[in-house]
Amino acid sequence: MINLGVFYATIRQPGRLTITPDYASAVVRRFFDLRSPVAGYVSIPRSYVILQRINLGLFALLGELSATADWRAIAEEIWPFVQGPPSTPMGEAETAWRGEAPGRRAGLKT
């Protein structure tokens, strides 16, 4: 079955995770698994097609780099509805640029 949730396995739990070439290949294989009996009934909206191509390319690149990070923390850093604290040097630089106190994001109620 075409499973869009496969892209989010890396952010379901906090903690460091390395995206290996094998992991990236498994994501692609799982996404295109058409052996499911319901696969013939799945319809991906056109607007999702380009997004999924971007996701597949991103996983391929991260796999080639054997990138390691706390992907959940990075996601929380960029999700506007969470507004998590900076977890990357770029997040720290953005916080400093915005003139925010460390560990506090604009719009976050304390």
PDB file of N, CA and C in Angstrom:
ATOM      1  N   MET A   1       0.838  -1.174   0.000  1.00  0.00           N
ATOM      2  CA  MET A   1       0.000   0.000   0.000  1.00  0.00           C
ATOM      3  C   MET A   1       0.890   1.248   0.000  1.00  0.00           C
ATOM      4  N   ILE A   2       0.491   2.239  -0.723  1.00  0.00           N
ATOM      5  CA  ILE A   2       1.228   3.493  -0.702  1.00  0.00           C
ATOM      6  C   ILE A   2       1.010   4.103   0.670  1.00  0.00           C
ATOM      7  N   ASN A   3       2.095   4.373   1.355  1.00  0.00           N
ATOM      8  CA  ASN A   3       2.019   4.793   2.749  1.00  0.00           C
ATOM      9  C   ASN A   3       2.758   6.118   2.921  1.00  0.00           C
ATOM     10  N   LEU A   4       2.009   7.202   3.029  1.00  0.00           N
ATOM     11  CA  LEU A   4       2.636   8.507   3.199  1.00  0.00           C
ATOM     12  C   LEU A   4       3.254   8.657   4.584  1.00  0.00           C
ATOM     13  N   GLY A   5       2.800   7.885   5.561  1.00  0.00           N
ATOM     14  CA  GLY A   5       3.335   7.947   6.914  1.00  0.00           C
ATOM     15  C   GLY A   5       4.772   7.474   7.018  1.00  0.00           C
ATOM     16  N   VAL A   6       5.267   6.771   6.013  1.00  0.00           N
ATOM     17  CA  VAL A   6       6.634   6.266   6.044  1.00  0.00           C
ATOM     18  C   VAL A   6       7.643   7.412   6.148  1.00  0.00           C
ATOM     19  N   PHE A   7       7.277   8.582   5.649  1.00  0.00           N
ATOM     20  CA  PHE A   7       8.187   9.717   5.708  1.00  0.00           C
ATOM     21  C   PHE A   7       8.320  10.285   7.120  1.00  0.00           C
ATOM     22  N   TYR A   8       7.404   9.946   7.989  1.00  0.00           N
ATOM     23  CA  TYR A   8       7.375  10.566   9.312  1.00  0.00           C
ATOM     24  C   TYR A   8       7.912   9.666  10.415  1.00  0.00           C
ATOM     25  N   ALA A   9       8.390   8.498  10.091  1.00  0.00           N
ATOM     26  CA  ALA A   9       8.937   7.581  11.094  1.00  0.00           C
ATOM     27  C   ALA A   9      10.134   8.201  11.813  1.00  0.00           C
ATOM     28  N   THR A  10      10.894   9.032  11.127  1.00  0.00           N
ATOM     29  CA  THR A  10      12.092   9.627  11.719  1.00  0.00           C
ATOM     30  C   THR A  10      11.765  10.703  12.750  1.00  0.00           C
ATOM     31  N   ILE A  11      10.546  11.205  12.758  1.00  0.00           N
ATOM     32  CA  ILE A  11      10.198  12.274  13.700  1.00  0.00           C
ATOM     33  C   ILE A  11       9.178  11.846  14.746  1.00  0.00           C
ATOM     34  N   ARG A  12       8.809  10.589  14.754  1.00  0.00           N
ATOM     35  CA  ARG A  12       7.816  10.136  15.738  1.00  0.00           C
ATOM     36  C   ARG A  12       8.369  10.119  17.157  1.00  0.00           C
ATOM     37  N   GLN A  13       9.646   9.811  17.293  1.00  0.00           N
ATOM     38  CA  GLN A  13      10.270   9.718  18.617  1.00  0.00           C
ATOM     39  C   GLN A  13      11.487  10.639  18.672  1.00  0.00           C
ATOM     40  N   PRO A  14      11.717  11.286  19.820  1.00  0.00           N
ATOM     41  CA  PRO A  14      12.936  12.097  19.949  1.00  0.00           C
ATOM     42  C   PRO A  14      14.164  11.196  20.059  1.00  0.00           C
ATOM     43  N   GLY A  15      15.309  11.755  19.743  1.00  0.00           N
ATOM     44  CA  GLY A  15      16.569  11.021  19.838  1.00  0.00           C
ATOM     45  C   GLY A  15      17.295  11.030  18.515  1.00  0.00           C
ATOM     46  N   ARG A  16      18.593  10.804  18.591  1.00  0.00           N
ATOM     47  CA  ARG A  16      19.421  10.822  17.386  1.00  0.00           C
ATOM     48  C   ARG A  16      19.172   9.579  16.551  1.00  0.00           C
ATOM     49  N   LEU A  17      19.125   9.783  15.251  1.00  0.00           N
ATOM     50  CA  LEU A  17      18.898   8.698  14.308  1.00  0.00           C
ATOM     51  C   LEU A  17      19.742   8.967  13.072  1.00  0.00           C
ATOM     52  N   THR A  18      20.427   7.938  12.587  1.00  0.00           N
ATOM     53  CA  THR A  18      21.194   8.056  11.360  1.00  0.00           C
ATOM     54  C   THR A  18      20.362   7.522  10.212  1.00  0.00           C
ATOM     55  N   ILE A  19      20.257   8.319   9.175  1.00  0.00           N
ATOM     56  CA  ILE A  19      19.566   7.876   7.961  1.00  0.00           C
ATOM     57  C   ILE A  19      20.640   7.306   7.044  1.00  0.00           C
ATOM     58  N   THR A  20      20.655   5.994   6.956  1.00  0.00           N
ATOM     59  CA  THR A  20      21.652   5.290   6.152  1.00  0.00           C
ATOM     60  C   THR A  20      21.134   5.104   4.725  1.00  0.00           C
ATOM     61  N   PRO A  21      22.020   4.758   3.797  1.00  0.00           N
ATOM     62  CA  PRO A  21      21.539   4.455   2.440  1.00  0.00           C
ATOM     63  C   PRO A  21      20.519   3.320   2.434  1.00  0.00           C
ATOM     64  N   ASP A  22      20.725   2.304   3.273  1.00  0.00           N
ATOM     65  CA  ASP A  22      19.764   1.195   3.343  1.00  0.00           C
ATOM     66  C   ASP A  22      18.404   1.663   3.851  1.00  0.00           C
ATOM     67  N   TYR A  23      18.416   2.539   4.857  1.00  0.00           N
ATOM     68  CA  TYR A  23      17.155   3.070   5.392  1.00  0.00           C
ATOM     69  C   TYR A  23      16.433   3.883   4.322  1.00  0.00           C
ATOM     70  N   ALA A  24      17.186   4.743   3.616  1.00  0.00           N
ATOM     71  CA  ALA A  24      16.588   5.568   2.567  1.00  0.00           C
ATOM     72  C   ALA A  24      15.986   4.683   1.472  1.00  0.00           C
ATOM     73  N   SER A  25      16.680   3.625   1.085  1.00  0.00           N
ATOM     74  CA  SER A  25      16.154   2.699   0.077  1.00  0.00           C
ATOM     75  C   SER A  25      14.897   2.003   0.567  1.00  0.00           C
ATOM     76  N   ALA A  26      14.879   1.643   1.849  1.00  0.00           N
ATOM     77  CA  ALA A  26      13.691   0.996   2.417  1.00  0.00           C
ATOM     78  C   ALA A  26      12.487   1.935   2.391  1.00  0.00           C
ATOM     79  N   VAL A  27      12.722   3.224   2.642  1.00  0.00           N
ATOM     80  CA  VAL A  27      11.629   4.207   2.581  1.00  0.00           C
ATOM     81  C   VAL A  27      11.035   4.224   1.183  1.00  0.00           C
ATOM     82  N   VAL A  28      11.891   4.265   0.171  1.00  0.00           N
ATOM     83  CA  VAL A  28      11.407   4.305  -1.211  1.00  0.00           C
ATOM     84  C   VAL A  28      10.658   3.020  -1.545  1.00  0.00           C
ATOM     85  N   ARG A  29      11.234   1.865  -1.185  1.00  0.00           N
ATOM     86  CA  ARG A  29      10.558   0.587  -1.468  1.00  0.00           C
ATOM     87  C   ARG A  29       9.203   0.511  -0.784  1.00  0.00           C
ATOM     88  N   ARG A  30       9.142   0.951   0.462  1.00  0.00           N
ATOM     89  CA  ARG A  30       7.887   0.887   1.199  1.00  0.00           C
ATOM     90  C   ARG A  30       6.838   1.832   0.599  1.00  0.00           C
ATOM     91  N   PHE A  31       7.287   2.998   0.164  1.00  0.00           N
ATOM     92  CA  PHE A  31       6.364   3.967  -0.425  1.00  0.00           C
ATOM     93  C   PHE A  31       5.731   3.404  -1.698  1.00  0.00           C
ATOM     94  N   PHE A  32       6.515   2.676  -2.480  1.00  0.00           N
ATOM     95  CA  PHE A  32       6.018   2.165  -3.753  1.00  0.00           C
ATOM     96  C   PHE A  32       5.575   0.710  -3.701  1.00  0.00           C
ATOM     97  N   ASP A  33       5.275   0.190  -2.520  1.00  0.00           N
ATOM     98  CA  ASP A  33       4.820  -1.192  -2.392  1.00  0.00           C
ATOM     99  C   ASP A  33       3.387  -1.297  -2.904  1.00  0.00           C
ATOM    100  N   LEU A  34       3.254  -1.792  -4.109  1.00  0.00           N
ATOM    101  CA  LEU A  34       1.932  -1.896  -4.731  1.00  0.00           C
ATOM    102  C   LEU A  34       1.327  -3.294  -4.588  1.00  0.00           C
ATOM    103  N   ARG A  35       1.923  -4.140  -3.750  1.00  0.00           N
ATOM    104  CA  ARG A  35       1.407  -5.500  -3.561  1.00  0.00           C
ATOM    105  C   ARG A  35       0.184  -5.553  -2.667  1.00  0.00           C
ATOM    106  N   SER A  36      -0.076  -4.485  -1.962  1.00  0.00           N
ATOM    107  CA  SER A  36      -1.229  -4.454  -1.065  1.00  0.00           C
ATOM    108  C   SER A  36      -2.520  -4.591  -1.865  1.00  0.00           C
ATOM    109  N   PRO A  37      -3.512  -5.324  -1.327  1.00  0.00           N
ATOM    110  CA  PRO A  37      -4.780  -5.464  -2.050  1.00  0.00           C
ATOM    111  C   PRO A  37      -5.542  -4.144  -2.199  1.00  0.00           C
ATOM    112  N   VAL A  38      -5.212  -3.143  -1.380  1.00  0.00           N
ATOM    113  CA  VAL A  38      -5.916  -1.864  -1.498  1.00  0.00           C
ATOM    114  C   VAL A  38      -5.142  -0.858  -2.350  1.00  0.00           C
ATOM    115  N   ALA A  39      -3.942  -1.233  -2.800  1.00  0.00           N
ATOM    116  CA  ALA A  39      -3.108  -0.296  -3.564  1.00  0.00           C
ATOM    117  C   ALA A  39      -3.825   0.218  -4.810  1.00  0.00           C
ATOM    118  N   GLY A  40      -4.621  -0.609  -5.438  1.00  0.00           N
ATOM    119  CA  GLY A  40      -5.342  -0.205  -6.640  1.00  0.00           C
ATOM    120  C   GLY A  40      -6.401   0.845  -6.391  1.00  0.00           C
ATOM    121  N   TYR A  41      -6.751   1.056  -5.134  1.00  0.00           N
ATOM    122  CA  TYR A  41      -7.798   2.007  -4.783  1.00  0.00           C
ATOM    123  C   TYR A  41      -7.253   3.300  -4.193  1.00  0.00           C
ATOM    124  N   VAL A  42      -5.942   3.363  -4.045  1.00  0.00           N
ATOM    125  CA  VAL A  42      -5.321   4.547  -3.459  1.00  0.00           C
ATOM    126  C   VAL A  42      -5.143   5.600  -4.541  1.00  0.00           C
ATOM    127  N   SER A  43      -5.511   6.801  -4.203  1.00  0.00           N
ATOM    128  CA  SER A  43      -5.347   7.911  -5.129  1.00  0.00           C
ATOM    129  C   SER A  43      -4.636   9.045  -4.395  1.00  0.00           C
ATOM    130  N   ILE A  44      -3.474   9.415  -4.899  1.00  0.00           N
ATOM    131  CA  ILE A  44      -2.719  10.503  -4.278  1.00  0.00           C
ATOM    132  C   ILE A  44      -3.095  11.795  -4.989  1.00  0.00           C
ATOM    133  N   PRO A  45      -3.528  12.789  -4.240  1.00  0.00           N
ATOM    134  CA  PRO A  45      -3.856  14.077  -4.871  1.00  0.00           C
ATOM    135  C   PRO A  45      -2.659  14.649  -5.616  1.00  0.00           C
ATOM    136  N   ARG A  46      -2.917  15.328  -6.715  1.00  0.00           N
ATOM    137  CA  ARG A  46      -1.832  15.887  -7.532  1.00  0.00           C
ATOM    138  C   ARG A  46      -0.887  16.758  -6.722  1.00  0.00           C
ATOM    139  N   SER A  47      -1.443  17.539  -5.792  1.00  0.00           N
ATOM    140  CA  SER A  47      -0.585  18.431  -5.011  1.00  0.00           C
ATOM    141  C   SER A  47       0.400  17.653  -4.145  1.00  0.00           C
ATOM    142  N   TYR A  48       0.094  16.399  -3.801  1.00  0.00           N
ATOM    143  CA  TYR A  48       0.998  15.593  -2.991  1.00  0.00           C
ATOM    144  C   TYR A  48       2.097  14.943  -3.812  1.00  0.00           C
ATOM    145  N   VAL A  49       1.900  14.813  -5.109  1.00  0.00           N
ATOM    146  CA  VAL A  49       2.883  14.117  -5.937  1.00  0.00           C
ATOM    147  C   VAL A  49       4.235  14.824  -5.879  1.00  0.00           C
ATOM    148  N   ILE A  50       4.253  16.134  -6.078  1.00  0.00           N
ATOM    149  CA  ILE A  50       5.522  16.857  -6.054  1.00  0.00           C
ATOM    150  C   ILE A  50       6.136  16.832  -4.657  1.00  0.00           C
ATOM    151  N   LEU A  51       5.291  16.933  -3.638  1.00  0.00           N
ATOM    152  CA  LEU A  51       5.783  16.873  -2.260  1.00  0.00           C
ATOM    153  C   LEU A  51       6.467  15.539  -1.984  1.00  0.00           C
ATOM    154  N   GLN A  52       5.878  14.452  -2.442  1.00  0.00           N
ATOM    155  CA  GLN A  52       6.468  13.139  -2.202  1.00  0.00           C
ATOM    156  C   GLN A  52       7.747  12.950  -3.011  1.00  0.00           C
ATOM    157  N   ARG A  53       7.833  13.552  -4.193  1.00  0.00           N
ATOM    158  CA  ARG A  53       9.083  13.495  -4.956  1.00  0.00           C
ATOM    159  C   ARG A  53      10.189  14.230  -4.196  1.00  0.00           C
ATOM    160  N   ILE A  54       9.831  15.346  -3.585  1.00  0.00           N
ATOM    161  CA  ILE A  54      10.806  16.089  -2.777  1.00  0.00           C
ATOM    162  C   ILE A  54      11.237  15.240  -1.582  1.00  0.00           C
ATOM    163  N   ASN A  55      10.270  14.626  -0.901  1.00  0.00           N
ATOM    164  CA  ASN A  55      10.588  13.774   0.253  1.00  0.00           C
ATOM    165  C   ASN A  55      11.504  12.620  -0.139  1.00  0.00           C
ATOM    166  N   LEU A  56      11.205  11.961  -1.255  1.00  0.00           N
ATOM    167  CA  LEU A  56      12.039  10.840  -1.694  1.00  0.00           C
ATOM    168  C   LEU A  56      13.457  11.309  -2.020  1.00  0.00           C
ATOM    169  N   GLY A  57      13.574  12.445  -2.682  1.00  0.00           N
ATOM    170  CA  GLY A  57      14.895  12.993  -2.974  1.00  0.00           C
ATOM    171  C   GLY A  57      15.651  13.373  -1.715  1.00  0.00           C
ATOM    172  N   LEU A  58      14.928  13.945  -0.751  1.00  0.00           N
ATOM    173  CA  LEU A  58      15.550  14.320   0.516  1.00  0.00           C
ATOM    174  C   LEU A  58      16.074  13.087   1.249  1.00  0.00           C
ATOM    175  N   PHE A  59      15.268  12.027   1.312  1.00  0.00           N
ATOM    176  CA  PHE A  59      15.731  10.807   1.983  1.00  0.00           C
ATOM    177  C   PHE A  59      16.925  10.213   1.256  1.00  0.00           C
ATOM    178  N   ALA A  60      16.935  10.253  -0.068  1.00  0.00           N
ATOM    179  CA  ALA A  60      18.078   9.739  -0.826  1.00  0.00           C
ATOM    180  C   ALA A  60      19.341  10.529  -0.477  1.00  0.00           C
ATOM    181  N   LEU A  61      19.228  11.843  -0.431  1.00  0.00           N
ATOM    182  CA  LEU A  61      20.373  12.694  -0.095  1.00  0.00           C
ATOM    183  C   LEU A  61      20.850  12.457   1.336  1.00  0.00           C
ATOM    184  N   LEU A  62      19.910  12.418   2.291  1.00  0.00           N
ATOM    185  CA  LEU A  62      20.279  12.176   3.693  1.00  0.00           C
ATOM    186  C   LEU A  62      20.917  10.804   3.864  1.00  0.00           C
ATOM    187  N   GLY A  63      20.423   9.821   3.112  1.00  0.00           N
ATOM    188  CA  GLY A  63      21.007   8.479   3.163  1.00  0.00           C
ATOM    189  C   GLY A  63      22.425   8.455   2.630  1.00  0.00           C
ATOM    190  N   GLU A  64      22.665   9.145   1.528  1.00  0.00           N
ATOM    191  CA  GLU A  64      24.023   9.215   0.965  1.00  0.00           C
ATOM    192  C   GLU A  64      24.986   9.883   1.930  1.00  0.00           C
ATOM    193  N   LEU A  65      24.488  10.844   2.700  1.00  0.00           N
ATOM    194  CA  LEU A  65      25.323  11.553   3.672  1.00  0.00           C
ATOM    195  C   LEU A  65      25.437  10.803   5.001  1.00  0.00           C
ATOM    196  N   SER A  66      24.640   9.730   5.167  1.00  0.00           N
ATOM    197  CA  SER A  66      24.513   9.048   6.462  1.00  0.00           C
ATOM    198  C   SER A  66      24.280  10.089   7.556  1.00  0.00           C
ATOM    199  N   ALA A  67      23.337  10.978   7.282  1.00  0.00           N
ATOM    200  CA  ALA A  67      23.040  12.102   8.173  1.00  0.00           C
ATOM    201  C   ALA A  67      22.485  11.602   9.500  1.00  0.00           C
ATOM    202  N   THR A  68      22.995  12.184  10.584  1.00  0.00           N
ATOM    203  CA  THR A  68      22.572  11.835  11.933  1.00  0.00           C
ATOM    204  C   THR A  68      22.096  13.101  12.629  1.00  0.00           C
ATOM    205  N   ALA A  69      20.914  13.015  13.231  1.00  0.00           N
ATOM    206  CA  ALA A  69      20.367  14.167  13.947  1.00  0.00           C
ATOM    207  C   ALA A  69      19.201  13.702  14.801  1.00  0.00           C
ATOM    208  N   ASP A  70      18.745  14.587  15.645  1.00  0.00           N
ATOM    209  CA  ASP A  70      17.490  14.375  16.360  1.00  0.00           C
ATOM    210  C   ASP A  70      16.420  15.011  15.471  1.00  0.00           C
ATOM    211  N   TRP A  71      15.884  14.224  14.566  1.00  0.00           N
ATOM    212  CA  TRP A  71      14.949  14.728  13.554  1.00  0.00           C
ATOM    213  C   TRP A  71      13.675  15.271  14.185  1.00  0.00           C
ATOM    214  N   ARG A  72      13.248  14.699  15.299  1.00  0.00           N
ATOM    215  CA  ARG A  72      12.061  15.198  16.000  1.00  0.00           C
ATOM    216  C   ARG A  72      12.313  16.618  16.515  1.00  0.00           C
ATOM    217  N   ALA A  73      13.472  16.841  17.132  1.00  0.00           N
ATOM    218  CA  ALA A  73      13.799  18.171  17.657  1.00  0.00           C
ATOM    219  C   ALA A  73      13.863  19.195  16.526  1.00  0.00           C
ATOM    220  N   ILE A  74      14.418  18.790  15.396  1.00  0.00           N
ATOM    221  CA  ILE A  74      14.478  19.697  14.246  1.00  0.00           C
ATOM    222  C   ILE A  74      13.067  20.016  13.767  1.00  0.00           C
ATOM    223  N   ALA A  75      12.214  19.014  13.704  1.00  0.00           N
ATOM    224  CA  ALA A  75      10.831  19.234  13.280  1.00  0.00           C
ATOM    225  C   ALA A  75      10.123  20.188  14.231  1.00  0.00           C
ATOM    226  N   GLU A  76      10.295  19.971  15.536  1.00  0.00           N
ATOM    227  CA  GLU A  76       9.646  20.854  16.509  1.00  0.00           C
ATOM    228  C   GLU A  76      10.181  22.271  16.417  1.00  0.00           C
ATOM    229  N   GLU A  77      11.442  22.413  16.046  1.00  0.00           N
ATOM    230  CA  GLU A  77      12.048  23.731  15.884  1.00  0.00           C
ATOM    231  C   GLU A  77      11.386  24.507  14.747  1.00  0.00           C
ATOM    232  N   ILE A  78      11.020  23.822  13.673  1.00  0.00           N
ATOM    233  CA  ILE A  78      10.465  24.528  12.511  1.00  0.00           C
ATOM    234  C   ILE A  78       8.943  24.515  12.439  1.00  0.00           C
ATOM    235  N   TRP A  79       8.286  23.622  13.204  1.00  0.00           N
ATOM    236  CA  TRP A  79       6.816  23.591  13.172  1.00  0.00           C
ATOM    237  C   TRP A  79       6.263  24.834  13.859  1.00  0.00           C
ATOM    238  N   PRO A  80       5.500  25.660  13.166  1.00  0.00           N
ATOM    239  CA  PRO A  80       4.971  26.879  13.793  1.00  0.00           C
ATOM    240  C   PRO A  80       3.972  26.598  14.911  1.00  0.00           C
ATOM    241  N   PHE A  81       3.308  25.445  14.879  1.00  0.00           N
ATOM    242  CA  PHE A  81       2.321  25.129  15.907  1.00  0.00           C
ATOM    243  C   PHE A  81       2.950  24.552  17.167  1.00  0.00           C
ATOM    244  N   VAL A  82       4.249  24.230  17.135  1.00  0.00           N
ATOM    245  CA  VAL A  82       4.966  23.738  18.313  1.00  0.00           C
ATOM    246  C   VAL A  82       5.895  24.817  18.851  1.00  0.00           C
ATOM    247  N   GLN A  83       6.614  25.472  17.962  1.00  0.00           N
ATOM    248  CA  GLN A  83       7.575  26.512  18.313  1.00  0.00           C
ATOM    249  C   GLN A  83       8.569  26.022  19.361  1.00  0.00           C
ATOM    250  N   GLY A  84       9.165  24.874  19.078  1.00  0.00           N
ATOM    251  CA  GLY A  84      10.150  24.305  19.984  1.00  0.00           C
ATOM    252  C   GLY A  84      11.417  25.129  20.036  1.00  0.00           C
ATOM    253  N   PRO A  85      12.231  24.883  21.038  1.00  0.00           N
ATOM    254  CA  PRO A  85      13.483  25.628  21.180  1.00  0.00           C
ATOM    255  C   PRO A  85      14.467  25.254  20.073  1.00  0.00           C
ATOM    256  N   PRO A  86      15.458  26.089  19.829  1.00  0.00           N
ATOM    257  CA  PRO A  86      16.447  25.774  18.804  1.00  0.00           C
ATOM    258  C   PRO A  86      17.170  24.465  19.126  1.00  0.00           C
ATOM    259  N   SER A  87      17.359  23.651  18.108  1.00  0.00           N
ATOM    260  CA  SER A  87      18.080  22.393  18.295  1.00  0.00           C
ATOM    261  C   SER A  87      19.232  22.262  17.309  1.00  0.00           C
ATOM    262  N   THR A  88      19.402  23.277  16.490  1.00  0.00           N
ATOM    263  CA  THR A  88      20.455  23.267  15.476  1.00  0.00           C
ATOM    264  C   THR A  88      21.178  24.615  15.505  1.00  0.00           C
ATOM    265  N   PRO A  89      22.387  24.673  14.967  1.00  0.00           N
ATOM    266  CA  PRO A  89      23.066  25.968  14.876  1.00  0.00           C
ATOM    267  C   PRO A  89      22.237  26.996  14.089  1.00  0.00           C
ATOM    268  N   MET A  90      21.538  26.548  13.055  1.00  0.00           N
ATOM    269  CA  MET A  90      20.716  27.471  12.291  1.00  0.00           C
ATOM    270  C   MET A  90      19.560  28.001  13.144  1.00  0.00           C
ATOM    271  N   GLY A  91      18.961  27.131  13.945  1.00  0.00           N
ATOM    272  CA  GLY A  91      17.891  27.562  14.840  1.00  0.00           C
ATOM    273  C   GLY A  91      18.389  28.550  15.884  1.00  0.00           C
ATOM    274  N   GLU A  92      19.586  28.304  16.401  1.00  0.00           N
ATOM    275  CA  GLU A  92      20.181  29.232  17.372  1.00  0.00           C
ATOM    276  C   GLU A  92      20.467  30.587  16.730  1.00  0.00           C
ATOM    277  N   ALA A  93      20.979  30.554  15.487  1.00  0.00           N
ATOM    278  CA  ALA A  93      21.259  31.809  14.777  1.00  0.00           C
ATOM    279  C   ALA A  93      19.964  32.570  14.502  1.00  0.00           C
ATOM    280  N   GLU A  94      18.919  31.855  14.138  1.00  0.00           N
ATOM    281  CA  GLU A  94      17.641  32.517  13.885  1.00  0.00           C
ATOM    282  C   GLU A  94      17.094  33.147  15.161  1.00  0.00           C
ATOM    283  N   THR A  95      17.205  32.432  16.275  1.00  0.00           N
ATOM    284  CA  THR A  95      16.742  32.965  17.555  1.00  0.00           C
ATOM    285  C   THR A  95      17.507  34.237  17.907  1.00  0.00           C
ATOM    286  N   ALA A  96      18.825  34.220  17.716  1.00  0.00           N
ATOM    287  CA  ALA A  96      19.633  35.411  17.993  1.00  0.00           C
ATOM    288  C   ALA A  96      19.254  36.546  17.061  1.00  0.00           C
ATOM    289  N   TRP A  97      19.037  36.243  15.800  1.00  0.00           N
ATOM    290  CA  TRP A  97      18.674  37.252  14.806  1.00  0.00           C
ATOM    291  C   TRP A  97      17.344  37.908  15.153  1.00  0.00           C
ATOM    292  N   ARG A  98      16.410  37.095  15.658  1.00  0.00           N
ATOM    293  CA  ARG A  98      15.102  37.631  16.040  1.00  0.00           C
ATOM    294  C   ARG A  98      15.164  38.382  17.373  1.00  0.00           C
ATOM    295  N   GLY A  99      16.284  38.248  18.088  1.00  0.00           N
ATOM    296  CA  GLY A  99      16.431  38.927  19.370  1.00  0.00           C
ATOM    297  C   GLY A  99      15.636  38.271  20.482  1.00  0.00           C
ATOM    298  N   GLU A 100      15.419  36.983  20.359  1.00  0.00           N
ATOM    299  CA  GLU A 100      14.652  36.247  21.363  1.00  0.00           C
ATOM    300  C   GLU A 100      15.592  35.716  22.441  1.00  0.00           C
ATOM    301  N   ALA A 101      15.047  35.516  23.615  1.00  0.00           N
ATOM    302  CA  ALA A 101      15.818  34.907  24.702  1.00  0.00           C
ATOM    303  C   ALA A 101      16.102  33.452  24.348  1.00  0.00           C
ATOM    304  N   PRO A 102      17.285  32.933  24.720  1.00  0.00           N
ATOM    305  CA  PRO A 102      17.575  31.519  24.448  1.00  0.00           C
ATOM    306  C   PRO A 102      16.501  30.625  25.060  1.00  0.00           C
ATOM    307  N   GLY A 103      16.094  29.606  24.296  1.00  0.00           N
ATOM    308  CA  GLY A 103      15.083  28.675  24.776  1.00  0.00           C
ATOM    309  C   GLY A 103      13.651  29.208  24.668  1.00  0.00           C
ATOM    310  N   ARG A 104      13.476  30.377  24.084  1.00  0.00           N
ATOM    311  CA  ARG A 104      12.138  30.930  23.933  1.00  0.00           C
ATOM    312  C   ARG A 104      11.950  31.363  22.493  1.00  0.00           C
ATOM    313  N   ARG A 105      10.821  31.022  21.933  1.00  0.00           N
ATOM    314  CA  ARG A 105      10.521  31.379  20.551  1.00  0.00           C
ATOM    315  C   ARG A 105       9.428  32.425  20.521  1.00  0.00           C
ATOM    316  N   ALA A 106       9.440  33.269  19.514  1.00  0.00           N
ATOM    317  CA  ALA A 106       8.416  34.313  19.374  1.00  0.00           C
ATOM    318  C   ALA A 106       7.040  33.674  19.330  1.00  0.00           C
ATOM    319  N   GLY A 107       6.124  34.251  20.038  1.00  0.00           N
ATOM    320  CA  GLY A 107       4.761  33.752  20.044  1.00  0.00           C
ATOM    321  C   GLY A 107       4.515  32.641  21.053  1.00  0.00           C
ATOM    322  N   LEU A 108       5.561  32.151  21.695  1.00  0.00           N
ATOM    323  CA  LEU A 108       5.417  31.078  22.657  1.00  0.00           C
ATOM    324  C   LEU A 108       4.956  31.683  23.986  1.00  0.00           C
ATOM    325  N   LYS A 109       3.878  31.187  24.490  1.00  0.00           N
ATOM    326  CA  LYS A 109       3.334  31.691  25.743  1.00  0.00           C
ATOM    327  C   LYS A 109       4.059  31.038  26.907  1.00  0.00           C
ATOM    328  N   THR A 110       4.531  31.856  27.846  1.00  0.00           N
ATOM    329  CA  THR A 110       5.205  31.307  29.035  1.00  0.00           C
ATOM    330  C   THR A 110       4.513  31.787  30.287  1.00  0.00           C
TER     331      THR A 110
END
